[in-house]
Amino acid sequence: MTLVEFAEFLVTRLAKEEDLIKVKDYETEEGLMIEILVPESDMGRVIGKKGKIANSIKTLIQAKAYNEGIKNVKVNIDSF
C-alpha cells in the first residue's frame, strides 16, 4: 500500500462523503508533500477537537513513510 492509498484509507474511514475525498502527492524541494482534500462538511470529523485527529493522521502517515525509508514527508489537510 502506497502512502497515498494509506492516507486515503485513513481519511475515508472518518468522512461521511468518502467518495469526494482526494489525495495527491508531489515532490517539492523539501521532500514529499501529501495533500488531502476533504469536503467542507467533513472537515470537523477529519480535524477533530483541537486538531487531535488531524495530528494523528499526519503521525501515522509519517510513521509509514519512515518504515518505507522515505524522509521529509509533509501532510496538508485542506477543504474544498
Protein backbone atom coordinates (compact mmCIF):
# COMPACT_ATOMS: atom_id res chain seq x y z
CA MET A 1 0.00 0.00 0.00
CA THR A 2 1.46 3.35 -1.04
CA LEU A 3 1.40 6.43 1.16
CA VAL A 4 -1.41 7.94 -0.94
CA GLU A 5 -3.51 4.79 -0.60
CA PHE A 6 -2.79 4.67 3.13
CA ALA A 7 -3.79 8.34 3.60
CA GLU A 8 -6.95 7.78 1.58
CA PHE A 9 -7.75 4.69 3.65
CA LEU A 10 -7.44 6.63 6.91
CA VAL A 11 -9.48 9.65 5.86
CA THR A 12 -12.27 7.79 4.08
CA ARG A 13 -12.99 5.85 7.27
CA LEU A 14 -13.71 9.15 9.04
CA ALA A 15 -15.66 11.08 6.40
CA LYS A 16 -19.33 10.72 5.53
CA GLU A 17 -18.79 11.73 1.90
CA GLU A 18 -15.90 9.35 1.32
CA ASP A 19 -16.26 9.33 -2.49
CA LEU A 20 -15.33 13.05 -2.57
CA ILE A 21 -12.00 12.64 -0.72
CA LYS A 22 -8.99 13.41 -2.92
CA VAL A 23 -5.41 12.54 -2.00
CA LYS A 24 -2.46 13.67 -4.13
CA ASP A 25 1.28 13.51 -3.68
CA TYR A 26 4.03 15.51 -5.31
CA GLU A 27 7.70 16.24 -4.85
CA THR A 28 8.85 19.60 -3.51
CA GLU A 29 12.27 20.98 -2.70
CA GLU A 30 11.83 19.94 0.94
CA GLY A 31 10.63 16.40 0.14
CA LEU A 32 7.36 14.60 -0.48
CA MET A 33 4.10 16.51 0.04
CA ILE A 34 0.83 14.63 0.53
CA GLU A 35 -2.25 16.79 0.06
CA ILE A 36 -5.58 15.57 1.41
CA LEU A 37 -8.66 17.41 0.13
CA VAL A 38 -11.83 16.93 2.16
CA PRO A 39 -15.33 18.36 1.59
CA GLU A 40 -16.17 21.30 3.85
CA SER A 41 -18.93 19.26 5.52
CA ASP A 42 -16.42 16.61 6.70
CA MET A 43 -13.64 18.92 7.90
CA GLY A 44 -14.79 18.78 11.53
CA ARG A 45 -14.65 14.98 11.54
CA VAL A 46 -11.19 14.88 9.97
CA ILE A 47 -9.67 17.67 12.06
CA GLY A 48 -11.21 16.68 15.41
CA LYS A 49 -11.23 18.66 18.63
CA LYS A 50 -8.12 20.83 18.86
CA GLY A 51 -6.71 19.07 15.79
CA LYS A 52 -6.09 15.76 17.56
CA ILE A 53 -7.38 13.56 14.74
CA ALA A 54 -5.50 15.53 12.07
CA ASN A 55 -2.28 15.25 14.08
CA SER A 56 -2.83 11.51 14.46
CA ILE A 57 -3.37 11.12 10.71
CA LYS A 58 -0.17 13.03 10.00
CA THR A 59 1.76 10.96 12.54
CA LEU A 60 0.55 7.66 11.07
CA ILE A 61 1.45 8.73 7.53
CA GLN A 62 4.89 9.90 8.60
CA ALA A 63 5.48 6.65 10.52
CA LYS A 64 4.58 4.59 7.46
CA ALA A 65 6.88 6.75 5.33
CA TYR A 66 9.71 6.24 7.82
CA ASN A 67 9.21 2.46 7.68
CA GLU A 68 9.44 2.63 3.89
CA GLY A 69 12.63 4.69 4.01
CA ILE A 70 11.04 7.93 2.80
CA LYS A 71 12.28 11.04 4.58
CA ASN A 72 10.83 14.55 4.79
CA VAL A 73 7.14 13.84 4.29
CA LYS A 74 4.72 16.68 4.89
CA VAL A 75 0.94 16.27 5.06
CA ASN A 76 -1.51 19.04 4.25
CA ILE A 77 -5.23 18.65 5.00
CA ASP A 78 -7.48 21.20 3.30
CA SER A 79 -11.12 21.62 2.32
CA PHE A 80 -12.78 22.39 -0.99
